[in-house]
Amino acid sequence: MASPWVKRGYVTHSHIDVAVVHKLMSHIFALPYPNRVVADAALPLDAFTSTPDYTPYEYAKRTFPIHCGRTRRRRRRSSPTRGTSSRSTSSRGSISRSSGI
């Protein structure tokens, strides 16, 4: 979270999901909760402070590679041509003919 009212450098250990965000917005703007899921969600009030800190955030350069988080394209493996397998269907016929079946 980034806001003047969020504690700088603080890591909250509470679970934050969409219902928590909806409850937080409803709580800030004094609106009624839209449903029971939002009403039962916990407010992450431990991450906020009563005095805002307006000092600008410092830009931190990325320390992970550019492909992080994206799936890499894999090279296709060369596969044998279709229709050539080690077990041929013609061998079955020759076995049945030789055994007299």
N, C-alpha and C. Protein backbone atom coordinates (compact mmCIF):
# COMPACT_ATOMS: atom_id res chain seq x y z
N MET A 1 0.84 -1.17 0.00
CA MET A 1 0.00 0.00 0.00
C MET A 1 0.89 1.23 0.00
N ALA A 2 0.44 2.26 -0.65
CA ALA A 2 1.18 3.51 -0.70
C ALA A 2 0.21 4.66 -0.42
N SER A 3 0.45 5.35 0.64
CA SER A 3 -0.39 6.47 1.05
C SER A 3 0.35 7.24 2.13
N PRO A 4 0.05 8.53 2.31
CA PRO A 4 0.67 9.25 3.41
C PRO A 4 0.27 8.70 4.78
N TRP A 5 -0.86 8.01 4.86
CA TRP A 5 -1.35 7.48 6.14
C TRP A 5 -0.92 6.04 6.40
N VAL A 6 -0.19 5.43 5.49
CA VAL A 6 0.31 4.07 5.69
C VAL A 6 1.66 4.17 6.39
N LYS A 7 1.87 3.31 7.37
CA LYS A 7 3.14 3.28 8.09
C LYS A 7 4.26 2.91 7.12
N ARG A 8 5.27 3.74 7.05
CA ARG A 8 6.38 3.52 6.13
C ARG A 8 7.26 2.37 6.61
N GLY A 9 7.48 1.38 5.73
CA GLY A 9 8.32 0.25 6.06
C GLY A 9 7.65 -0.82 6.92
N TYR A 10 6.36 -0.67 7.16
CA TYR A 10 5.64 -1.63 8.01
C TYR A 10 5.07 -2.75 7.15
N VAL A 11 5.15 -3.97 7.65
CA VAL A 11 4.57 -5.13 6.98
C VAL A 11 3.46 -5.68 7.86
N THR A 12 2.25 -5.63 7.35
CA THR A 12 1.12 -6.16 8.12
C THR A 12 1.04 -7.67 7.91
N HIS A 13 0.62 -8.36 8.92
CA HIS A 13 0.49 -9.81 8.85
C HIS A 13 -0.96 -10.25 8.73
N SER A 14 -1.84 -9.30 8.47
CA SER A 14 -3.25 -9.65 8.28
C SER A 14 -3.51 -9.95 6.81
N HIS A 15 -4.50 -10.78 6.57
CA HIS A 15 -4.86 -11.18 5.21
C HIS A 15 -5.66 -10.05 4.57
N ILE A 16 -5.22 -9.61 3.39
CA ILE A 16 -5.93 -8.54 2.69
C ILE A 16 -6.41 -9.09 1.36
N ASP A 17 -7.73 -9.06 1.14
CA ASP A 17 -8.31 -9.49 -0.11
C ASP A 17 -9.29 -8.42 -0.58
N VAL A 18 -10.08 -8.72 -1.59
CA VAL A 18 -10.99 -7.74 -2.17
C VAL A 18 -12.04 -7.29 -1.15
N ALA A 19 -12.53 -8.19 -0.33
CA ALA A 19 -13.53 -7.83 0.67
C ALA A 19 -12.96 -6.84 1.69
N VAL A 20 -11.70 -7.01 2.04
CA VAL A 20 -11.06 -6.09 2.98
C VAL A 20 -10.92 -4.70 2.36
N VAL A 21 -10.57 -4.65 1.08
CA VAL A 21 -10.45 -3.35 0.40
C VAL A 21 -11.81 -2.66 0.33
N HIS A 22 -12.86 -3.42 0.01
CA HIS A 22 -14.21 -2.84 -0.01
C HIS A 22 -14.62 -2.34 1.37
N LYS A 23 -14.32 -3.10 2.40
CA LYS A 23 -14.68 -2.67 3.75
C LYS A 23 -13.90 -1.43 4.15
N LEU A 24 -12.63 -1.36 3.77
CA LEU A 24 -11.81 -0.19 4.08
C LEU A 24 -12.36 1.07 3.41
N MET A 25 -12.73 0.96 2.13
CA MET A 25 -13.30 2.12 1.42
C MET A 25 -14.65 2.51 2.03
N SER A 26 -15.47 1.53 2.36
CA SER A 26 -16.76 1.84 2.99
C SER A 26 -16.56 2.49 4.36
N HIS A 27 -15.56 2.02 5.09
CA HIS A 27 -15.27 2.58 6.41
C HIS A 27 -14.76 4.02 6.31
N ILE A 28 -13.88 4.28 5.34
CA ILE A 28 -13.33 5.62 5.18
C ILE A 28 -14.40 6.61 4.76
N PHE A 29 -15.26 6.23 3.83
CA PHE A 29 -16.28 7.15 3.32
C PHE A 29 -17.61 7.03 4.05
N ALA A 30 -17.66 6.31 5.15
CA ALA A 30 -18.85 6.15 5.99
C ALA A 30 -20.05 5.67 5.19
N LEU A 31 -19.82 4.64 4.38
CA LEU A 31 -20.89 4.03 3.59
C LEU A 31 -21.30 2.70 4.23
N PRO A 32 -22.51 2.25 4.00
CA PRO A 32 -22.91 0.94 4.52
C PRO A 32 -22.19 -0.17 3.74
N TYR A 33 -21.97 -1.27 4.42
CA TYR A 33 -21.30 -2.39 3.77
C TYR A 33 -22.26 -3.03 2.77
N PRO A 34 -21.79 -3.37 1.56
CA PRO A 34 -22.70 -3.86 0.52
C PRO A 34 -23.23 -5.27 0.76
N ASN A 35 -22.48 -6.11 1.47
CA ASN A 35 -22.96 -7.48 1.71
C ASN A 35 -22.32 -8.04 2.98
N ARG A 36 -22.68 -9.26 3.30
CA ARG A 36 -22.22 -9.90 4.54
C ARG A 36 -20.73 -10.24 4.50
N VAL A 37 -20.22 -10.58 3.34
CA VAL A 37 -18.80 -10.92 3.22
C VAL A 37 -17.93 -9.71 3.55
N VAL A 38 -18.32 -8.56 3.02
CA VAL A 38 -17.59 -7.33 3.31
C VAL A 38 -17.76 -6.94 4.77
N ALA A 39 -18.93 -7.10 5.31
CA ALA A 39 -19.18 -6.74 6.71
C ALA A 39 -18.35 -7.61 7.67
N ASP A 40 -18.12 -8.87 7.32
CA ASP A 40 -17.36 -9.77 8.18
C ASP A 40 -15.85 -9.68 7.98
N ALA A 41 -15.41 -8.95 6.99
CA ALA A 41 -13.97 -8.83 6.72
C ALA A 41 -13.30 -7.98 7.81
N ALA A 42 -12.03 -8.25 8.03
CA ALA A 42 -11.28 -7.51 9.05
C ALA A 42 -10.67 -6.24 8.45
N LEU A 43 -10.64 -5.20 9.24
CA LEU A 43 -10.00 -3.96 8.79
C LEU A 43 -8.50 -3.99 9.11
N PRO A 44 -7.64 -3.67 8.15
CA PRO A 44 -6.19 -3.67 8.41
C PRO A 44 -5.73 -2.35 9.02
N LEU A 45 -6.29 -2.00 10.17
CA LEU A 45 -5.97 -0.71 10.77
C LEU A 45 -4.56 -0.65 11.35
N ASP A 46 -3.91 -1.79 11.52
CA ASP A 46 -2.55 -1.79 12.05
C ASP A 46 -1.55 -1.21 11.06
N ALA A 47 -1.91 -1.14 9.77
CA ALA A 47 -0.99 -0.62 8.75
C ALA A 47 -1.06 0.90 8.61
N PHE A 48 -1.97 1.54 9.32
CA PHE A 48 -2.16 2.99 9.17
C PHE A 48 -1.72 3.74 10.41
N THR A 49 -1.41 5.01 10.20
CA THR A 49 -1.02 5.89 11.30
C THR A 49 -1.95 7.10 11.32
N SER A 50 -2.04 7.78 12.45
CA SER A 50 -2.94 8.93 12.56
C SER A 50 -2.31 10.21 12.03
N THR A 51 -0.98 10.25 11.93
CA THR A 51 -0.31 11.45 11.39
C THR A 51 0.28 11.11 10.02
N PRO A 52 -0.12 11.81 8.97
CA PRO A 52 0.37 11.49 7.63
C PRO A 52 1.83 11.89 7.45
N ASP A 53 2.53 11.14 6.64
CA ASP A 53 3.93 11.41 6.30
C ASP A 53 4.00 11.75 4.83
N TYR A 54 4.20 13.04 4.52
CA TYR A 54 4.17 13.51 3.14
C TYR A 54 5.54 13.50 2.45
N THR A 55 6.55 12.95 3.08
CA THR A 55 7.85 12.88 2.40
C THR A 55 7.73 11.93 1.22
N PRO A 56 8.33 12.29 0.08
CA PRO A 56 8.17 11.45 -1.11
C PRO A 56 8.88 10.11 -0.96
N TYR A 57 8.34 9.14 -1.63
CA TYR A 57 8.96 7.82 -1.64
C TYR A 57 10.17 7.84 -2.55
N GLU A 58 11.18 7.06 -2.21
CA GLU A 58 12.37 6.98 -3.05
C GLU A 58 12.19 5.86 -4.07
N TYR A 59 12.63 6.14 -5.28
CA TYR A 59 12.53 5.15 -6.34
C TYR A 59 13.60 4.09 -6.14
N ALA A 60 13.21 2.84 -6.17
CA ALA A 60 14.16 1.74 -6.04
C ALA A 60 14.19 1.01 -7.38
N LYS A 61 15.39 0.85 -7.92
CA LYS A 61 15.52 0.16 -9.20
C LYS A 61 15.20 -1.31 -9.04
N ARG A 62 14.76 -1.89 -10.12
CA ARG A 62 14.41 -3.30 -10.13
C ARG A 62 15.66 -4.14 -9.91
N THR A 63 15.56 -5.15 -9.05
CA THR A 63 16.69 -6.02 -8.76
C THR A 63 16.48 -7.42 -9.31
N PHE A 64 15.38 -7.64 -9.99
CA PHE A 64 15.09 -8.97 -10.55
C PHE A 64 15.14 -8.88 -12.06
N PRO A 65 15.36 -9.98 -12.74
CA PRO A 65 15.45 -9.95 -14.20
C PRO A 65 14.14 -9.56 -14.86
N ILE A 66 14.22 -9.07 -16.06
CA ILE A 66 13.04 -8.57 -16.77
C ILE A 66 12.02 -9.67 -17.04
N HIS A 67 12.46 -10.92 -17.21
CA HIS A 67 11.53 -12.00 -17.53
C HIS A 67 10.86 -12.58 -16.29
N CYS A 68 11.12 -12.04 -15.13
CA CYS A 68 10.52 -12.57 -13.90
C CYS A 68 9.01 -12.35 -13.94
N GLY A 69 8.25 -13.40 -13.66
CA GLY A 69 6.81 -13.28 -13.63
C GLY A 69 6.14 -13.61 -14.94
N ARG A 70 6.90 -13.72 -16.02
CA ARG A 70 6.33 -14.08 -17.31
C ARG A 70 6.80 -15.48 -17.67
N THR A 71 5.99 -16.17 -18.41
CA THR A 71 6.41 -17.50 -18.84
C THR A 71 7.31 -17.36 -20.04
N ARG A 72 8.37 -18.10 -20.03
CA ARG A 72 9.29 -18.09 -21.16
C ARG A 72 8.76 -19.01 -22.25
N ARG A 73 9.03 -18.65 -23.47
CA ARG A 73 8.66 -19.54 -24.56
C ARG A 73 9.68 -20.66 -24.64
N ARG A 74 9.17 -21.85 -24.72
CA ARG A 74 10.06 -23.00 -24.82
C ARG A 74 10.27 -23.34 -26.29
N ARG A 75 11.46 -23.79 -26.57
CA ARG A 75 11.73 -24.23 -27.93
C ARG A 75 11.05 -25.57 -28.15
N ARG A 76 10.55 -25.74 -29.34
CA ARG A 76 9.92 -27.02 -29.67
C ARG A 76 10.99 -28.07 -29.86
N ARG A 77 10.75 -29.21 -29.29
CA ARG A 77 11.66 -30.32 -29.49
C ARG A 77 11.36 -30.96 -30.84
N SER A 78 12.39 -31.40 -31.49
CA SER A 78 12.16 -32.07 -32.77
C SER A 78 11.59 -33.45 -32.48
N SER A 79 10.44 -33.73 -33.04
CA SER A 79 9.78 -35.01 -32.82
C SER A 79 9.88 -35.84 -34.08
N PRO A 80 9.86 -37.15 -33.94
CA PRO A 80 9.90 -37.98 -35.15
C PRO A 80 8.65 -37.75 -35.98
N THR A 81 8.74 -38.05 -37.24
CA THR A 81 7.59 -37.84 -38.11
C THR A 81 6.46 -38.76 -37.70
N ARG A 82 5.27 -38.30 -37.93
CA ARG A 82 4.10 -39.08 -37.53
C ARG A 82 3.96 -40.32 -38.40
N GLY A 83 3.45 -41.36 -37.80
CA GLY A 83 3.18 -42.57 -38.53
C GLY A 83 4.31 -43.59 -38.43
N THR A 84 5.45 -43.19 -37.91
CA THR A 84 6.54 -44.15 -37.76
C THR A 84 6.67 -44.47 -36.29
N SER A 85 6.24 -45.62 -35.92
CA SER A 85 6.37 -46.05 -34.54
C SER A 85 7.09 -47.38 -34.50
N SER A 86 7.56 -47.75 -33.35
CA SER A 86 8.29 -49.01 -33.22
C SER A 86 7.36 -50.22 -33.36
N ARG A 87 6.09 -50.03 -33.02
CA ARG A 87 5.12 -51.13 -33.14
C ARG A 87 4.24 -50.84 -34.34
N SER A 88 4.35 -51.62 -35.32
CA SER A 88 3.55 -51.44 -36.53
C SER A 88 2.31 -52.32 -36.46
N THR A 89 1.23 -51.86 -37.05
CA THR A 89 0.00 -52.64 -37.04
C THR A 89 0.08 -53.83 -37.99
N SER A 90 0.98 -53.78 -38.95
CA SER A 90 1.08 -54.90 -39.89
C SER A 90 1.69 -56.13 -39.24
N SER A 91 2.47 -55.96 -38.16
CA SER A 91 3.06 -57.12 -37.50
C SER A 91 2.00 -57.96 -36.79
N ARG A 92 0.92 -57.34 -36.36
CA ARG A 92 -0.15 -58.09 -35.71
C ARG A 92 -0.80 -59.07 -36.69
N GLY A 93 -1.01 -58.61 -37.88
CA GLY A 93 -1.63 -59.47 -38.88
C GLY A 93 -0.75 -60.66 -39.24
N SER A 94 0.54 -60.43 -39.29
CA SER A 94 1.43 -61.54 -39.65
C SER A 94 1.51 -62.57 -38.53
N ILE A 95 1.38 -62.14 -37.29
CA ILE A 95 1.40 -63.08 -36.16
C ILE A 95 0.13 -63.94 -36.18
N SER A 96 -1.01 -63.31 -36.43
CA SER A 96 -2.25 -64.06 -36.42
C SER A 96 -2.32 -65.03 -37.59
N ARG A 97 -1.71 -64.69 -38.74
CA ARG A 97 -1.73 -65.59 -39.88
C ARG A 97 -0.81 -66.79 -39.66
N SER A 98 0.31 -66.56 -38.98
CA SER A 98 1.26 -67.66 -38.79
C SER A 98 0.78 -68.65 -37.73
N SER A 99 -0.04 -68.20 -36.79
CA SER A 99 -0.50 -69.10 -35.74
C SER A 99 -1.76 -69.84 -36.14
N GLY A 100 -2.30 -69.50 -37.30
CA GLY A 100 -3.49 -70.20 -37.77
C GLY A 100 -4.77 -69.70 -37.17
N ILE A 101 -4.79 -68.53 -36.65
CA ILE A 101 -6.01 -67.97 -36.03
C ILE A 101 -6.89 -67.34 -37.06
